[in-house]
N, C-alpha and C. Protein backbone atom coordinates (compact mmCIF):
# COMPACT_ATOMS: atom_id res chain seq x y z
N UNK A 1 -2.22 -3.81 -18.83
CA UNK A 1 -2.58 -2.91 -17.74
C UNK A 1 -3.07 -3.72 -16.54
N UNK A 2 -2.84 -3.17 -15.36
CA UNK A 2 -3.30 -3.76 -14.12
C UNK A 2 -4.37 -2.85 -13.52
N UNK A 3 -5.41 -3.47 -13.00
CA UNK A 3 -6.45 -2.73 -12.29
C UNK A 3 -6.22 -2.93 -10.80
N UNK A 4 -5.98 -1.83 -10.10
CA UNK A 4 -5.63 -1.90 -8.70
C UNK A 4 -6.68 -1.15 -7.89
N UNK A 5 -7.37 -1.87 -7.01
CA UNK A 5 -8.35 -1.28 -6.11
C UNK A 5 -7.66 -1.01 -4.78
N UNK A 6 -7.68 0.25 -4.35
CA UNK A 6 -6.99 0.65 -3.13
C UNK A 6 -8.00 1.19 -2.14
N UNK A 7 -7.92 0.68 -0.91
CA UNK A 7 -8.78 1.23 0.14
C UNK A 7 -8.23 2.58 0.56
N UNK A 8 -9.05 3.61 0.43
CA UNK A 8 -8.66 4.97 0.82
C UNK A 8 -9.41 5.35 2.08
N UNK A 9 -8.71 5.97 3.02
CA UNK A 9 -9.35 6.43 4.24
C UNK A 9 -8.50 7.49 4.90
N UNK A 10 -9.11 8.63 5.16
CA UNK A 10 -8.48 9.70 5.93
C UNK A 10 -9.40 9.98 7.10
N UNK A 11 -9.08 9.46 8.30
CA UNK A 11 -9.99 9.57 9.43
C UNK A 11 -10.30 11.02 9.83
N UNK A 12 -9.47 11.96 9.41
CA UNK A 12 -9.72 13.36 9.73
C UNK A 12 -10.86 13.96 8.93
N UNK A 13 -11.18 13.36 7.77
CA UNK A 13 -12.23 13.95 6.92
C UNK A 13 -13.27 12.95 6.42
N UNK A 14 -13.06 11.67 6.66
CA UNK A 14 -13.99 10.65 6.15
C UNK A 14 -14.59 9.86 7.30
N UNK A 15 -15.83 9.41 7.13
CA UNK A 15 -16.50 8.57 8.11
C UNK A 15 -16.14 7.10 7.92
N UNK A 16 -16.06 6.67 6.65
CA UNK A 16 -15.83 5.27 6.30
C UNK A 16 -14.80 5.18 5.18
N UNK A 17 -14.06 4.07 5.12
CA UNK A 17 -13.14 3.87 3.99
C UNK A 17 -13.91 3.72 2.68
N UNK A 18 -13.26 4.03 1.58
CA UNK A 18 -13.83 3.82 0.25
C UNK A 18 -12.77 3.21 -0.65
N UNK A 19 -13.22 2.56 -1.69
CA UNK A 19 -12.30 1.92 -2.63
C UNK A 19 -12.14 2.82 -3.85
N UNK A 20 -10.90 3.05 -4.24
CA UNK A 20 -10.60 3.81 -5.45
C UNK A 20 -9.81 2.89 -6.38
N UNK A 21 -10.18 2.90 -7.64
CA UNK A 21 -9.55 2.01 -8.61
C UNK A 21 -8.62 2.80 -9.53
N UNK A 22 -7.46 2.22 -9.78
CA UNK A 22 -6.45 2.83 -10.66
C UNK A 22 -6.05 1.83 -11.74
N UNK A 23 -5.65 2.34 -12.89
CA UNK A 23 -5.11 1.51 -13.98
C UNK A 23 -3.63 1.86 -14.11
N UNK A 24 -2.80 0.82 -14.01
CA UNK A 24 -1.35 0.99 -14.00
C UNK A 24 -0.73 0.06 -15.04
N UNK A 25 0.28 0.53 -15.78
CA UNK A 25 0.95 -0.37 -16.73
C UNK A 25 1.49 -1.60 -16.03
N UNK A 26 1.28 -2.75 -16.62
CA UNK A 26 1.75 -4.01 -16.07
C UNK A 26 2.96 -4.47 -16.87
N UNK A 27 4.11 -4.39 -16.24
CA UNK A 27 5.37 -4.77 -16.87
C UNK A 27 5.95 -5.98 -16.13
N UNK A 28 6.59 -6.85 -16.84
CA UNK A 28 7.21 -8.02 -16.22
C UNK A 28 8.22 -7.57 -15.17
N UNK A 29 8.12 -8.17 -13.99
CA UNK A 29 9.05 -7.85 -12.91
C UNK A 29 8.64 -6.68 -12.05
N UNK A 30 7.57 -5.97 -12.40
CA UNK A 30 7.12 -4.84 -11.59
C UNK A 30 6.50 -5.35 -10.29
N UNK A 31 6.82 -4.68 -9.20
CA UNK A 31 6.28 -5.04 -7.89
C UNK A 31 5.06 -4.17 -7.56
N UNK A 32 4.39 -4.55 -6.50
CA UNK A 32 3.26 -3.74 -6.03
C UNK A 32 3.77 -2.37 -5.61
N UNK A 33 4.96 -2.29 -5.06
CA UNK A 33 5.54 -0.99 -4.70
C UNK A 33 5.74 -0.13 -5.95
N UNK A 34 6.17 -0.75 -7.06
CA UNK A 34 6.30 -0.01 -8.31
C UNK A 34 4.95 0.58 -8.71
N UNK A 35 3.88 -0.19 -8.53
CA UNK A 35 2.54 0.28 -8.86
C UNK A 35 2.14 1.46 -7.96
N UNK A 36 2.40 1.34 -6.66
CA UNK A 36 2.07 2.43 -5.73
C UNK A 36 2.84 3.70 -6.07
N UNK A 37 4.12 3.55 -6.38
CA UNK A 37 4.92 4.71 -6.76
C UNK A 37 4.42 5.33 -8.06
N UNK A 38 4.01 4.51 -9.02
CA UNK A 38 3.46 5.01 -10.28
C UNK A 38 2.17 5.80 -10.02
N UNK A 39 1.29 5.23 -9.20
CA UNK A 39 0.04 5.92 -8.88
C UNK A 39 0.33 7.26 -8.23
N UNK A 40 1.22 7.26 -7.24
CA UNK A 40 1.55 8.49 -6.52
C UNK A 40 2.18 9.54 -7.44
N UNK A 41 3.05 9.10 -8.31
CA UNK A 41 3.79 10.02 -9.16
C UNK A 41 2.96 10.55 -10.34
N UNK A 42 2.15 9.68 -10.96
CA UNK A 42 1.50 10.06 -12.22
C UNK A 42 -0.02 10.17 -12.17
N UNK A 43 -0.66 9.61 -11.14
CA UNK A 43 -2.12 9.60 -11.14
C UNK A 43 -2.71 10.36 -9.96
N UNK A 44 -2.25 10.04 -8.75
CA UNK A 44 -2.87 10.60 -7.55
C UNK A 44 -1.83 10.78 -6.46
N UNK A 45 -1.29 11.96 -6.36
CA UNK A 45 -0.25 12.26 -5.38
C UNK A 45 -0.74 12.28 -3.95
N UNK A 46 -2.05 12.16 -3.73
CA UNK A 46 -2.58 12.16 -2.37
C UNK A 46 -2.59 10.77 -1.74
N UNK A 47 -2.30 9.73 -2.52
CA UNK A 47 -2.29 8.36 -1.99
C UNK A 47 -1.15 8.22 -0.97
N UNK A 48 -1.50 7.76 0.24
CA UNK A 48 -0.52 7.62 1.32
C UNK A 48 -0.15 6.15 1.52
N UNK A 49 1.16 5.88 1.55
CA UNK A 49 1.70 4.55 1.81
C UNK A 49 3.13 4.73 2.28
N UNK A 50 3.68 3.72 2.90
CA UNK A 50 5.08 3.80 3.33
C UNK A 50 5.97 3.12 2.30
N UNK A 51 7.13 3.71 2.08
CA UNK A 51 8.13 3.13 1.18
C UNK A 51 9.50 3.43 1.79
N UNK A 52 10.14 2.42 2.35
CA UNK A 52 11.42 2.61 3.03
C UNK A 52 12.53 1.81 2.39
N UNK A 53 12.32 1.37 1.16
CA UNK A 53 13.32 0.56 0.48
C UNK A 53 14.67 1.29 0.47
N UNK A 54 15.69 0.56 0.74
CA UNK A 54 17.07 1.04 0.75
C UNK A 54 17.33 2.05 1.86
N UNK A 55 16.45 2.09 2.88
CA UNK A 55 16.64 2.99 4.02
C UNK A 55 16.94 2.23 5.31
N UNK A 56 16.96 0.91 5.25
CA UNK A 56 17.22 0.12 6.44
C UNK A 56 16.02 -0.02 7.37
N UNK A 57 14.84 0.32 6.89
CA UNK A 57 13.63 0.20 7.70
C UNK A 57 12.68 -0.83 7.08
N UNK A 58 13.21 -1.96 6.74
CA UNK A 58 12.41 -2.98 6.09
C UNK A 58 11.21 -3.38 6.94
N UNK A 59 10.15 -3.68 6.31
CA UNK A 59 8.89 -4.18 6.85
C UNK A 59 7.89 -3.10 7.25
N UNK A 60 8.24 -1.81 7.22
CA UNK A 60 7.26 -0.79 7.58
C UNK A 60 6.21 -0.61 6.50
N UNK A 61 6.46 -1.10 5.31
CA UNK A 61 5.54 -0.88 4.19
C UNK A 61 4.47 -1.97 4.06
N UNK A 62 4.47 -2.98 4.91
CA UNK A 62 3.55 -4.11 4.77
C UNK A 62 2.10 -3.65 4.68
N UNK A 63 1.37 -4.27 3.77
CA UNK A 63 -0.05 -3.99 3.54
C UNK A 63 -0.77 -5.31 3.26
N UNK A 64 -2.06 -5.25 3.10
CA UNK A 64 -2.84 -6.41 2.67
C UNK A 64 -2.91 -6.37 1.15
N UNK A 65 -2.48 -7.43 0.52
CA UNK A 65 -2.56 -7.57 -0.94
C UNK A 65 -3.46 -8.77 -1.20
N UNK A 66 -4.60 -8.49 -1.78
CA UNK A 66 -5.60 -9.55 -2.01
C UNK A 66 -5.90 -10.35 -0.75
N UNK A 67 -6.01 -9.64 0.37
CA UNK A 67 -6.40 -10.28 1.62
C UNK A 67 -5.29 -10.94 2.42
N UNK A 68 -4.05 -10.85 1.94
CA UNK A 68 -2.93 -11.46 2.65
C UNK A 68 -1.89 -10.39 2.97
N UNK A 69 -1.34 -10.46 4.17
CA UNK A 69 -0.32 -9.50 4.59
C UNK A 69 0.97 -9.79 3.84
N UNK A 70 1.41 -8.78 3.10
CA UNK A 70 2.60 -8.96 2.26
C UNK A 70 3.40 -7.66 2.19
N UNK A 71 4.63 -7.82 1.79
CA UNK A 71 5.51 -6.68 1.57
C UNK A 71 5.38 -6.25 0.10
N UNK A 72 4.93 -5.05 -0.19
CA UNK A 72 4.70 -4.65 -1.57
C UNK A 72 5.97 -4.57 -2.43
N UNK A 73 7.12 -4.39 -1.80
CA UNK A 73 8.35 -4.32 -2.59
C UNK A 73 8.87 -5.70 -2.96
N UNK A 74 8.26 -6.75 -2.39
CA UNK A 74 8.67 -8.12 -2.70
C UNK A 74 7.54 -8.92 -3.36
N UNK A 75 6.41 -8.26 -3.60
CA UNK A 75 5.24 -8.90 -4.22
C UNK A 75 5.08 -8.37 -5.63
N UNK A 76 4.89 -9.27 -6.57
CA UNK A 76 4.79 -8.86 -7.97
C UNK A 76 3.36 -8.49 -8.34
N UNK A 77 3.25 -7.54 -9.26
CA UNK A 77 1.95 -7.08 -9.74
C UNK A 77 1.23 -8.19 -10.48
N UNK A 78 -0.11 -8.10 -10.45
CA UNK A 78 -0.97 -8.99 -11.21
C UNK A 78 -1.94 -8.11 -12.00
N UNK A 79 -2.75 -8.74 -12.84
CA UNK A 79 -3.70 -7.97 -13.64
C UNK A 79 -4.75 -7.28 -12.79
N UNK A 80 -5.14 -7.90 -11.68
CA UNK A 80 -6.09 -7.29 -10.75
C UNK A 80 -5.61 -7.52 -9.33
N UNK A 81 -5.69 -6.46 -8.53
CA UNK A 81 -5.26 -6.55 -7.14
C UNK A 81 -6.12 -5.66 -6.27
N UNK A 82 -6.26 -6.04 -5.00
CA UNK A 82 -6.91 -5.22 -4.00
C UNK A 82 -5.89 -4.93 -2.91
N UNK A 83 -5.66 -3.66 -2.62
CA UNK A 83 -4.69 -3.25 -1.62
C UNK A 83 -5.41 -2.57 -0.46
N UNK A 84 -5.10 -3.03 0.76
CA UNK A 84 -5.74 -2.50 1.96
C UNK A 84 -4.68 -2.33 3.04
N UNK A 85 -4.98 -1.51 4.06
CA UNK A 85 -4.02 -1.38 5.16
C UNK A 85 -3.97 -2.67 5.97
N UNK A 86 -2.93 -2.79 6.78
CA UNK A 86 -2.78 -3.94 7.67
C UNK A 86 -4.01 -4.05 8.56
N UNK A 87 -4.49 -5.27 8.79
CA UNK A 87 -5.66 -5.44 9.65
C UNK A 87 -5.30 -5.22 11.12
N UNK A 88 -6.32 -4.87 11.89
CA UNK A 88 -6.18 -4.70 13.34
C UNK A 88 -5.21 -3.60 13.72
N UNK A 89 -5.01 -2.65 12.83
CA UNK A 89 -4.14 -1.51 13.10
C UNK A 89 -4.94 -0.23 12.87
N UNK A 90 -4.61 0.81 13.63
CA UNK A 90 -5.25 2.11 13.45
C UNK A 90 -4.73 2.73 12.16
N UNK A 91 -5.64 3.12 11.28
CA UNK A 91 -5.26 3.73 10.00
C UNK A 91 -4.96 5.21 10.22
N UNK A 92 -3.78 5.61 9.81
CA UNK A 92 -3.41 7.02 9.85
C UNK A 92 -3.96 7.70 8.61
N UNK A 93 -3.69 7.10 7.45
CA UNK A 93 -4.25 7.55 6.17
C UNK A 93 -3.98 6.47 5.13
N UNK A 94 -5.00 6.12 4.38
CA UNK A 94 -4.92 5.15 3.29
C UNK A 94 -4.25 3.84 3.73
N UNK A 95 -3.04 3.56 3.23
CA UNK A 95 -2.35 2.30 3.54
C UNK A 95 -1.36 2.44 4.70
N UNK A 96 -1.30 3.61 5.31
CA UNK A 96 -0.38 3.87 6.42
C UNK A 96 -1.11 3.60 7.73
N UNK A 97 -0.53 2.72 8.54
CA UNK A 97 -1.12 2.39 9.84
C UNK A 97 -0.15 2.74 10.96
N UNK A 98 -0.72 2.86 12.16
CA UNK A 98 0.09 3.12 13.33
C UNK A 98 0.84 1.85 13.70
N UNK A 99 2.14 1.97 13.89
CA UNK A 99 2.98 0.83 14.25
C UNK A 99 3.32 0.85 15.72
N UNK A 100 3.47 -0.33 16.30
CA UNK A 100 3.91 -0.45 17.68
C UNK A 100 5.42 -0.20 17.73
N UNK A 101 5.96 0.21 18.90
CA UNK A 101 7.41 0.42 19.00
C UNK A 101 8.18 -0.83 18.58
N UNK A 102 9.21 -0.65 17.78
CA UNK A 102 10.04 -1.76 17.31
C UNK A 102 9.51 -2.48 16.10
N UNK A 103 8.25 -2.23 15.76
CA UNK A 103 7.63 -2.94 14.64
C UNK A 103 8.23 -2.54 13.30
N UNK A 104 8.74 -1.33 13.19
CA UNK A 104 9.27 -0.87 11.91
C UNK A 104 10.50 -1.64 11.47
N UNK A 105 11.19 -2.24 12.40
CA UNK A 105 12.39 -2.99 12.05
C UNK A 105 12.14 -4.50 12.10
N UNK A 106 11.34 -4.96 13.04
CA UNK A 106 11.17 -6.38 13.24
C UNK A 106 9.91 -6.96 12.63
N UNK A 107 9.04 -6.16 12.08
CA UNK A 107 7.81 -6.66 11.46
C UNK A 107 6.75 -6.97 12.48
N UNK A 108 5.63 -7.53 11.99
CA UNK A 108 4.50 -7.81 12.88
C UNK A 108 4.43 -9.27 13.21
């Protein structure tokens, strides 16, 4: 099992971000995106994140994984991880941040 701490924040109803911890099966070859999809599907459907795999919008899903900006669909799960939104960006909800024009295709 993997323990994943996710920064949760909904600026419409919360004053400050909070950390929520989830336990997700750890399988060889599973990515952080697999973990996020598992959490959303089976544990907490309110978790907000971007997932554009196979849609031609690569790089919109970037988040902070253990303090480093990474693409969750290309980063493999570990036994313990901390997931946060991109730094220096306005948080829309949870791991979803406001992107600048053109950023969704070209990255940051």
